[in-house]
Amino acid sequence: MPESPYPMLSVEEALRIVLEHTPVLAPVRVPLMRALGRVLAEPLQAAEPMPPFPAAGKDGYAVVADDASTVRRVIGEQYAGYVADLRVTPGTAVRITTGAPLPPGADAVIMVELATEQDGWVTLPGKVAPGRDVRPVGEDIAAGQEVLAVGTALGPAELGLAATVGVTELSVYPAPKVAILSTGDELVEPGAPLRPGQIRDSNRFSLAAAVQAAGGEPLDLGVAGDRPGELERKVADGLAQADVLLTSGAVSMGQLDLLKPLLESWGTVHVGRVRMKPGKPLTFATVRDKPVFALPGFPVSSLATFELFARPALLKMQGHRRLLRPRVQVRLAHAIRHDPERTEYQRAVVVWREGGLWATTTGSQASSRLLSMVGANAFLILPAGEGDRAQGEAVEAMLIGEILNEP
C-alpha cells in the first residue's frame, strides 16, 4: 500500500481549513412566510413606535388618575381597533379593553376586577397612580430601534416581530444547494435485490437528511460506479447544479479510490487525512471555489465527518454565527476502550441522572455499524494520546441531539 502524500491533520486544524475556504452565500429577499430558519442578512429597524399610541394594558375603565370620586358615570366604550369620540373628565369613566387606545383626558386604567358597574355608573377605588395599567407610546419598541441584528436566526418570534414593524419580506442568506453522490460498483438502491458482493446504499439517504437538518437543500446525484468517466460526469454534474458537493466513498488508498486524484486535477485538495476515528480518509477540496467534501464510505464515518466538518461549513454559508455543536462534561456509565493513536468520537446516549449527565455508548463502535448512530445524542470525544477510560470518569461530549431525563 503506497504512503499517502497528504499530511495527517488534527481535527481542529482540518476544521479551520474547511471554514477558511467556505464562502458565505449572497443574500436573497424572501417573503416572511418563507423565511423560517433562514439568517438575517440586513439589520431590521422599526419605522414606528410600538405601541403607536397610549394603550390600555388591562380590561377595565379609563379614568383621570387624580380624580378622588369613587362613583363615576360611564360615558361610553373604547374597544381595540378604532378611536371613539370620547373625552374623560373628573367624575367620568370609559369602559376599555386591553390594547385599546386611551381616550383623551384619561391617564390611567382601573382593571375591571376592582370595579362594580350598575345602571351606567361604576364604583371605583378612588385615586390611582398616573400611568397605571397604561402602555405608553414606544414601550415595546422605539421608532428607529434596531429590533433584529444581522446574523439573527429567524424563528417564530423573530418573524412575528418583523410583521409587527410592518415588514413583508426580508434579506436573508439562502439555503445552500448540496449535491450528494455515492460511489462504488458494490452499491445498489434500497429496493433492489442484492447480488453477490453488493450492498444497499444508505449514505445518500443519511446525508440528504443531515443536509436538510442543517438547513440545506439536497440534490440526489445517485451512485457513480468505479469507472473514471462515470465518476467525472457525476462530479461535474453536481458542481454545475449545486453550491456544495458531498460524496461518500473512493477516498482511501485503494486502486479504485479515484476521487482524490480527480479533485486534485480539477481544483485544490486542502485536507486529505485527519487524525480521527472514524473518518481518517476525509477529503476536503475546492473546485471552482465550491466546497467539495469527499467523505469516507463507511456509514458511520460518513455521518461523523459530516457532523464535524460539512455541517459547520453549511451553517457558515447560511450566515450563522454559531457553527459548532455544544459540548458538555459527562460521566461514563461504564468503562470504554480507546486507541490513543487518533482522536475518537464514540457514539453515546447522554441522560440527566442523579444531578448530572451520564453517558452510555451505543454498543459496537465499528465504522460500518450504522446502528451505533441510531438513538445517539452525543459523540464522546476521546483525545489522541490518551488511553482507556474507567467507569465514572468525566469526558467531554459533543451533543448532537436532545438530552432527556433518565426514565
Protein backbone atom coordinates (compact mmCIF):
# COMPACT_ATOMS: atom_id res chain seq x y z
CA MET A 1 0.00 0.00 0.00
CA PRO A 2 1.59 3.34 -1.03
CA GLU A 3 2.09 6.08 1.55
CA SER A 4 -0.43 8.91 1.39
CA PRO A 5 1.03 12.23 0.16
CA TYR A 6 -1.38 14.17 2.37
CA PRO A 7 -0.33 15.27 5.86
CA MET A 8 -2.26 13.92 8.84
CA LEU A 9 -4.10 16.93 10.29
CA SER A 10 -5.71 17.35 13.66
CA VAL A 11 -9.50 17.74 13.75
CA GLU A 12 -9.09 21.37 14.84
CA GLU A 13 -6.68 22.24 12.01
CA ALA A 14 -8.82 20.47 9.41
CA LEU A 15 -11.93 22.35 10.55
CA ARG A 16 -10.05 25.67 10.45
CA ILE A 17 -9.04 24.99 6.85
CA VAL A 18 -12.57 23.94 5.87
CA LEU A 19 -14.14 27.11 7.27
CA GLU A 20 -11.40 29.29 5.79
CA HIS A 21 -12.32 28.04 2.30
CA THR A 22 -16.10 28.07 2.77
CA PRO A 23 -17.87 31.14 1.34
CA VAL A 24 -20.98 32.84 2.68
CA LEU A 25 -23.73 32.80 0.05
CA ALA A 26 -25.04 36.06 -1.44
CA PRO A 27 -28.24 37.26 0.28
CA VAL A 28 -31.68 36.99 -1.32
CA ARG A 29 -35.03 38.56 -0.45
CA VAL A 30 -37.86 36.27 0.63
CA PRO A 31 -41.39 36.82 1.97
CA LEU A 32 -41.94 36.32 5.69
CA MET A 33 -43.77 33.04 5.17
CA ARG A 34 -40.64 31.54 3.56
CA ALA A 35 -38.06 32.95 5.96
CA LEU A 36 -38.30 30.42 8.81
CA GLY A 37 -34.86 29.03 9.65
CA ARG A 38 -33.01 31.50 7.47
CA VAL A 39 -30.46 34.01 8.81
CA LEU A 40 -30.96 37.76 8.53
CA ALA A 41 -28.52 39.49 6.15
CA GLU A 42 -29.53 43.11 6.85
CA PRO A 43 -30.43 44.77 10.16
CA LEU A 44 -34.13 45.36 10.72
CA GLN A 45 -35.24 48.69 12.20
CA ALA A 46 -38.65 49.86 13.35
CA ALA A 47 -40.05 52.83 11.43
CA GLU A 48 -42.74 53.44 14.08
CA PRO A 49 -43.04 53.11 17.86
CA MET A 50 -44.94 50.19 19.35
CA PRO A 51 -47.49 50.77 20.64
CA PRO A 52 -48.03 53.83 18.43
CA PHE A 53 -50.49 55.32 20.94
CA PRO A 54 -51.05 55.11 24.73
CA ALA A 55 -52.92 51.82 25.14
CA ALA A 56 -54.80 50.02 27.90
CA GLY A 57 -52.79 47.24 29.48
CA LYS A 58 -55.87 45.62 31.06
CA ASP A 59 -59.60 45.34 30.56
CA GLY A 60 -61.24 47.95 32.79
CA TYR A 61 -62.09 51.65 32.95
CA ALA A 62 -60.10 54.60 31.61
CA VAL A 63 -60.07 57.39 34.21
CA VAL A 64 -58.40 60.59 35.34
CA ALA A 65 -55.85 59.38 37.89
CA ASP A 66 -56.16 62.39 40.20
CA ASP A 67 -59.95 62.12 40.45
CA ALA A 68 -60.97 61.21 44.00
CA SER A 69 -64.53 60.27 43.06
CA THR A 70 -65.44 56.70 43.99
CA VAL A 71 -68.54 56.64 41.79
CA ARG A 72 -68.19 57.79 38.18
CA ARG A 73 -70.52 57.96 35.22
CA VAL A 74 -69.69 55.60 32.34
CA ILE A 75 -69.83 57.74 29.20
CA GLY A 76 -69.05 55.08 26.61
CA GLU A 77 -66.83 52.28 25.47
CA GLN A 78 -63.42 52.21 23.81
CA TYR A 79 -62.51 48.92 22.10
CA ALA A 80 -59.31 47.93 20.33
CA GLY A 81 -59.22 48.72 16.63
CA TYR A 82 -60.93 52.12 16.46
CA VAL A 83 -61.00 55.52 18.19
CA ALA A 84 -64.25 56.55 19.87
CA ASP A 85 -65.29 60.20 20.09
CA LEU A 86 -64.98 60.36 23.87
CA ARG A 87 -63.16 62.53 26.42
CA VAL A 88 -62.69 61.51 30.05
CA THR A 89 -63.12 64.20 32.70
CA PRO A 90 -63.27 64.06 36.51
CA GLY A 91 -66.36 62.13 37.58
CA THR A 92 -66.49 60.07 34.38
CA ALA A 93 -65.00 56.82 33.11
CA VAL A 94 -64.83 54.95 29.82
CA ARG A 95 -65.13 51.20 29.59
CA ILE A 96 -61.96 49.99 27.79
CA THR A 97 -60.47 46.72 26.54
CA THR A 98 -56.87 45.55 26.54
CA GLY A 99 -54.87 47.15 23.72
CA ALA A 100 -57.43 49.86 23.01
CA PRO A 101 -56.22 53.47 22.63
CA LEU A 102 -56.58 55.55 25.78
CA PRO A 103 -59.29 58.23 25.32
CA PRO A 104 -58.26 61.91 25.59
CA GLY A 105 -58.26 63.13 29.18
CA ALA A 106 -57.60 59.69 30.69
CA ASP A 107 -54.19 58.84 32.12
CA ALA A 108 -54.84 55.57 33.98
CA VAL A 109 -56.83 52.34 33.78
CA ILE A 110 -58.53 50.61 36.70
CA MET A 111 -58.92 46.93 35.91
CA VAL A 112 -62.41 45.52 35.78
CA GLU A 113 -61.86 43.23 38.77
CA LEU A 114 -61.66 46.32 41.05
CA ALA A 115 -64.88 47.91 39.74
CA THR A 116 -68.63 47.43 40.15
CA GLU A 117 -70.90 48.83 37.43
CA GLN A 118 -74.63 49.34 37.72
CA ASP A 119 -77.14 51.46 35.76
CA GLY A 120 -74.47 53.42 33.91
CA TRP A 121 -72.38 54.20 36.98
CA VAL A 122 -69.23 52.47 38.15
CA THR A 123 -67.85 52.27 41.67
CA LEU A 124 -64.05 52.51 41.69
CA PRO A 125 -61.39 52.61 44.44
CA GLY A 126 -60.71 56.34 44.02
CA LYS A 127 -57.37 57.85 43.10
CA VAL A 128 -54.76 55.75 41.31
CA ALA A 129 -51.23 56.46 40.17
CA PRO A 130 -50.95 58.16 36.77
CA GLY A 131 -49.97 55.65 34.08
CA ARG A 132 -51.37 52.66 35.95
CA ASP A 133 -52.05 49.80 33.50
CA VAL A 134 -51.30 52.07 30.55
CA ARG A 135 -48.76 51.10 27.91
CA PRO A 136 -47.07 54.33 26.80
CA VAL A 137 -46.04 55.08 23.22
CA GLY A 138 -42.91 53.11 22.34
CA GLU A 139 -42.96 50.93 25.46
CA ASP A 140 -42.23 47.81 23.43
CA ILE A 141 -40.30 49.29 20.50
CA ALA A 142 -38.98 52.81 19.91
CA ALA A 143 -39.08 54.42 16.48
CA GLY A 144 -35.74 53.81 14.74
CA GLN A 145 -34.77 50.99 17.12
CA GLU A 146 -32.87 48.04 15.65
CA VAL A 147 -35.05 45.08 16.51
CA LEU A 148 -33.14 42.31 14.70
CA ALA A 149 -29.40 42.28 14.00
CA VAL A 150 -27.52 40.78 11.08
CA GLY A 151 -26.86 37.11 11.81
CA THR A 152 -30.14 36.54 13.67
CA ALA A 153 -31.61 33.10 13.02
CA LEU A 154 -35.27 33.63 12.17
CA GLY A 155 -37.72 31.67 14.27
CA PRO A 156 -41.41 32.21 15.09
CA ALA A 157 -40.79 35.15 17.45
CA GLU A 158 -38.41 36.90 15.04
CA LEU A 159 -40.81 36.59 12.11
CA GLY A 160 -43.67 37.85 14.25
CA LEU A 161 -41.53 40.82 15.25
CA ALA A 162 -40.77 41.56 11.59
CA ALA A 163 -44.51 41.58 10.87
CA THR A 164 -45.06 43.85 13.89
CA VAL A 165 -42.80 46.54 12.41
CA GLY A 166 -44.54 46.32 9.05
CA VAL A 167 -42.07 44.25 7.02
CA THR A 168 -43.36 41.86 4.35
CA GLU A 169 -40.04 40.42 3.13
CA LEU A 170 -36.53 40.07 4.50
CA SER A 171 -32.97 39.92 3.17
CA VAL A 172 -31.60 36.52 4.20
CA TYR A 173 -28.82 34.10 3.35
CA PRO A 174 -30.25 31.32 1.18
CA ALA A 175 -30.20 27.59 1.75
CA PRO A 176 -27.16 26.07 0.06
CA LYS A 177 -27.89 23.53 -2.66
CA VAL A 178 -25.93 20.39 -1.83
CA ALA A 179 -25.35 17.68 -4.44
CA ILE A 180 -24.96 14.21 -2.91
CA LEU A 181 -23.18 11.35 -4.68
CA SER A 182 -22.39 7.82 -3.53
CA THR A 183 -19.58 5.91 -5.22
CA GLY A 184 -18.83 2.24 -5.70
CA ASP A 185 -19.78 -0.67 -8.00
CA GLU A 186 -20.99 -2.58 -4.95
CA LEU A 187 -23.86 -0.16 -4.22
CA VAL A 188 -27.46 -0.72 -5.26
CA GLU A 189 -30.68 1.17 -4.50
CA PRO A 190 -32.59 0.25 -1.32
CA GLY A 191 -35.39 -1.52 -3.20
CA ALA A 192 -33.09 -3.63 -5.39
CA PRO A 193 -32.32 -7.30 -4.68
CA LEU A 194 -28.76 -7.99 -3.53
CA ARG A 195 -26.47 -9.94 -5.80
CA PRO A 196 -23.18 -11.44 -4.62
CA GLY A 197 -20.80 -8.74 -3.46
CA GLN A 198 -23.44 -6.00 -3.35
CA ILE A 199 -24.81 -3.84 -0.52
CA ARG A 200 -27.61 -1.26 -0.44
CA ASP A 201 -26.62 2.40 -0.50
CA SER A 202 -27.51 4.12 2.78
CA ASN A 203 -25.17 7.12 2.71
CA ARG A 204 -27.13 9.23 0.22
CA PHE A 205 -30.23 8.98 2.36
CA SER A 206 -28.46 9.68 5.65
CA LEU A 207 -26.57 12.61 4.16
CA ALA A 208 -29.64 14.08 2.46
CA ALA A 209 -31.43 14.07 5.81
CA ALA A 210 -28.40 15.59 7.53
CA VAL A 211 -28.22 18.33 4.89
CA GLN A 212 -31.90 19.16 5.40
CA ALA A 213 -31.47 19.21 9.18
CA ALA A 214 -28.62 21.70 8.70
CA GLY A 215 -30.80 23.99 6.56
CA GLY A 216 -29.57 22.93 3.12
CA GLU A 217 -31.38 21.65 0.03
CA PRO A 218 -30.15 18.19 -1.04
CA LEU A 219 -29.82 17.21 -4.69
CA ASP A 220 -29.58 13.48 -5.33
CA LEU A 221 -26.95 12.52 -7.93
CA GLY A 222 -27.41 8.78 -7.41
CA VAL A 223 -24.50 6.33 -7.47
CA ALA A 224 -21.33 6.52 -9.57
CA GLY A 225 -19.54 3.28 -10.37
CA ASP A 226 -15.80 2.79 -10.03
CA ARG A 227 -15.06 3.98 -13.55
CA PRO A 228 -13.22 7.27 -14.19
CA GLY A 229 -15.55 8.51 -16.94
CA GLU A 230 -18.73 7.91 -14.94
CA LEU A 231 -17.32 9.48 -11.79
CA GLU A 232 -16.15 12.57 -13.70
CA ARG A 233 -19.57 13.08 -15.30
CA LYS A 234 -21.38 12.82 -11.96
CA VAL A 235 -18.96 15.15 -10.17
CA ALA A 236 -19.18 17.71 -12.99
CA ASP A 237 -22.97 17.49 -12.89
CA GLY A 238 -23.03 18.12 -9.15
CA LEU A 239 -20.68 21.09 -9.34
CA ALA A 240 -22.77 22.63 -12.13
CA GLN A 241 -26.04 22.37 -10.20
CA ALA A 242 -25.11 22.94 -6.57
CA ASP A 243 -23.21 25.20 -4.18
CA VAL A 244 -21.57 22.23 -2.41
CA LEU A 245 -20.72 18.68 -3.43
CA LEU A 246 -20.88 15.80 -0.93
CA THR A 247 -19.57 12.40 -1.95
CA SER A 248 -19.06 9.20 0.00
CA GLY A 249 -16.51 6.52 -0.73
CA ALA A 250 -13.47 6.34 -3.04
CA VAL A 251 -11.17 8.39 -0.79
CA SER A 252 -8.93 5.78 0.84
CA MET A 253 -5.76 4.33 -0.70
CA GLY A 254 -7.16 1.52 -2.85
CA GLN A 255 -6.74 1.23 -6.62
CA LEU A 256 -10.37 2.24 -7.18
CA ASP A 257 -10.30 5.22 -4.83
CA LEU A 258 -10.35 7.79 -7.61
CA LEU A 259 -11.79 10.91 -6.03
CA LYS A 260 -8.62 12.46 -4.62
CA PRO A 261 -6.78 12.41 -7.98
CA LEU A 262 -9.86 13.78 -9.73
CA LEU A 263 -10.22 16.64 -7.25
CA GLU A 264 -6.51 17.40 -7.49
CA SER A 265 -6.74 17.69 -11.28
CA TRP A 266 -9.84 19.91 -11.19
CA GLY A 267 -9.15 22.04 -8.12
CA THR A 268 -7.23 22.06 -4.84
CA VAL A 269 -7.28 19.40 -2.13
CA HIS A 270 -6.88 21.21 1.19
CA VAL A 271 -7.44 18.26 3.54
CA GLY A 272 -6.57 14.67 2.68
CA ARG A 273 -6.35 12.91 6.05
CA VAL A 274 -7.50 13.69 9.58
CA ARG A 275 -6.22 12.15 12.80
CA MET A 276 -9.65 10.93 13.90
CA LYS A 277 -11.69 7.76 14.30
CA PRO A 278 -13.97 7.21 12.48
CA GLY A 279 -13.26 9.28 9.39
CA LYS A 280 -9.50 9.33 8.83
CA PRO A 281 -9.70 9.48 4.96
CA LEU A 282 -11.88 12.64 4.95
CA THR A 283 -11.02 14.83 1.97
CA PHE A 284 -11.93 18.48 1.54
CA ALA A 285 -11.28 20.34 -1.69
CA THR A 286 -12.43 23.39 -3.60
CA VAL A 287 -13.27 23.22 -7.30
CA ARG A 288 -14.19 26.50 -9.00
CA ASP A 289 -14.41 27.99 -5.49
CA LYS A 290 -17.09 25.48 -4.49
CA PRO A 291 -16.53 23.31 -1.40
CA VAL A 292 -16.29 19.58 -2.01
CA PHE A 293 -16.49 17.12 0.88
CA ALA A 294 -15.36 13.65 -0.11
CA LEU A 295 -16.48 11.63 2.89
CA PRO A 296 -15.42 8.08 3.75
CA GLY A 297 -17.65 5.26 2.55
CA PHE A 298 -18.45 3.54 5.84
CA PRO A 299 -21.85 4.84 7.02
CA VAL A 300 -20.74 5.98 10.47
CA SER A 301 -17.57 7.58 9.11
CA SER A 302 -19.67 9.44 6.55
CA LEU A 303 -22.13 10.83 9.12
CA ALA A 304 -19.43 11.61 11.70
CA THR A 305 -17.32 13.61 9.26
CA PHE A 306 -20.43 15.40 8.02
CA GLU A 307 -21.22 16.44 11.61
CA LEU A 308 -17.70 17.64 12.36
CA PHE A 309 -16.84 19.37 9.08
CA ALA A 310 -19.64 19.68 6.50
CA ARG A 311 -22.35 20.80 8.91
CA PRO A 312 -20.35 23.78 10.26
CA ALA A 313 -19.50 24.76 6.67
CA LEU A 314 -23.16 24.65 5.62
CA LEU A 315 -24.09 26.80 8.61
CA LYS A 316 -21.41 29.34 7.69
CA MET A 317 -22.72 29.52 4.12
CA GLN A 318 -26.13 30.44 5.55
CA GLY A 319 -24.74 33.29 7.68
CA HIS A 320 -24.95 31.55 11.05
CA ARG A 321 -22.63 32.80 13.78
CA ARG A 322 -22.74 29.68 15.96
CA LEU A 323 -21.29 26.92 13.83
CA LEU A 324 -20.36 24.21 16.33
CA ARG A 325 -22.42 21.81 18.39
CA PRO A 326 -22.49 22.42 22.16
CA ARG A 327 -20.07 20.47 24.34
CA VAL A 328 -20.59 19.29 27.90
CA GLN A 329 -18.81 17.22 30.52
CA VAL A 330 -20.37 13.81 31.15
CA ARG A 331 -19.57 10.83 33.36
CA LEU A 332 -19.21 7.36 31.91
CA ALA A 333 -21.79 4.80 32.96
CA HIS A 334 -19.26 2.08 32.10
CA ALA A 335 -15.60 1.70 31.16
CA ILE A 336 -14.68 2.20 27.49
CA ARG A 337 -11.72 1.22 25.35
CA HIS A 338 -9.85 3.83 23.30
CA ASP A 339 -6.89 3.54 20.94
CA PRO A 340 -4.75 6.62 21.72
CA GLU A 341 -3.39 6.88 18.18
CA ARG A 342 -6.28 9.07 16.98
CA THR A 343 -8.97 11.28 18.48
CA GLU A 344 -12.04 9.08 18.65
CA TYR A 345 -15.70 10.04 18.51
CA GLN A 346 -17.72 7.30 20.18
CA ARG A 347 -21.48 7.37 19.77
CA ALA A 348 -23.38 7.56 23.04
CA VAL A 349 -26.66 8.31 24.76
CA VAL A 350 -26.40 11.06 27.39
CA VAL A 351 -29.10 11.36 30.06
CA TRP A 352 -29.66 13.54 33.10
CA ARG A 353 -29.41 11.36 36.20
CA GLU A 354 -28.60 11.90 39.86
CA GLY A 355 -27.89 15.60 39.41
CA GLY A 356 -25.51 15.17 36.47
CA LEU A 357 -25.02 13.98 32.90
CA TRP A 358 -24.18 10.31 32.33
CA ALA A 359 -23.18 8.65 29.06
CA THR A 360 -23.66 5.11 27.78
CA THR A 361 -22.17 4.10 24.44
CA THR A 362 -24.38 2.56 21.77
CA GLY A 363 -22.53 -0.76 21.63
CA SER A 364 -20.01 -1.78 18.98
CA GLN A 365 -18.33 1.32 17.57
CA ALA A 366 -17.42 -0.23 14.19
CA SER A 367 -17.48 2.35 11.38
CA SER A 368 -19.72 0.09 9.32
CA ARG A 369 -22.35 -0.28 12.07
CA LEU A 370 -24.96 2.41 11.42
CA LEU A 371 -26.93 1.10 14.40
CA SER A 372 -24.35 2.81 16.60
CA MET A 373 -25.72 6.17 15.39
CA VAL A 374 -29.37 5.27 15.92
CA GLY A 375 -30.62 6.91 19.11
CA ALA A 376 -27.26 8.53 19.84
CA ASN A 377 -27.45 12.13 21.07
CA ALA A 378 -23.73 12.67 21.59
CA PHE A 379 -20.21 11.91 20.45
CA LEU A 380 -17.83 11.16 23.30
CA ILE A 381 -14.56 12.92 22.46
CA LEU A 382 -11.56 10.80 23.38
CA PRO A 383 -8.38 12.74 22.52
CA ALA A 384 -5.34 11.28 20.82
CA GLY A 385 -2.55 10.42 23.24
CA GLU A 386 -4.93 9.21 25.95
CA GLY A 387 -5.99 5.63 26.55
CA ASP A 388 -8.93 3.72 28.03
CA ARG A 389 -11.43 5.38 30.35
CA ALA A 390 -12.86 3.98 33.58
CA GLN A 391 -16.46 3.87 34.75
CA GLY A 392 -17.44 7.16 36.40
CA GLU A 393 -14.65 9.11 34.70
CA ALA A 394 -15.50 12.51 33.24
CA VAL A 395 -15.11 13.04 29.48
CA GLU A 396 -16.12 15.73 27.02
CA ALA A 397 -19.15 15.09 24.81
CA MET A 398 -20.41 16.89 21.72
CA LEU A 399 -24.20 16.97 21.76
CA ILE A 400 -25.97 16.11 18.51
CA GLY A 401 -29.45 15.66 19.96
CA GLU A 402 -31.73 16.41 22.88
CA ILE A 403 -30.80 15.37 26.43
CA LEU A 404 -33.60 13.63 28.32
CA ASN A 405 -34.09 12.74 31.95
CA GLU A 406 -33.48 9.07 32.60
CA PRO A 407 -36.86 7.29 32.87
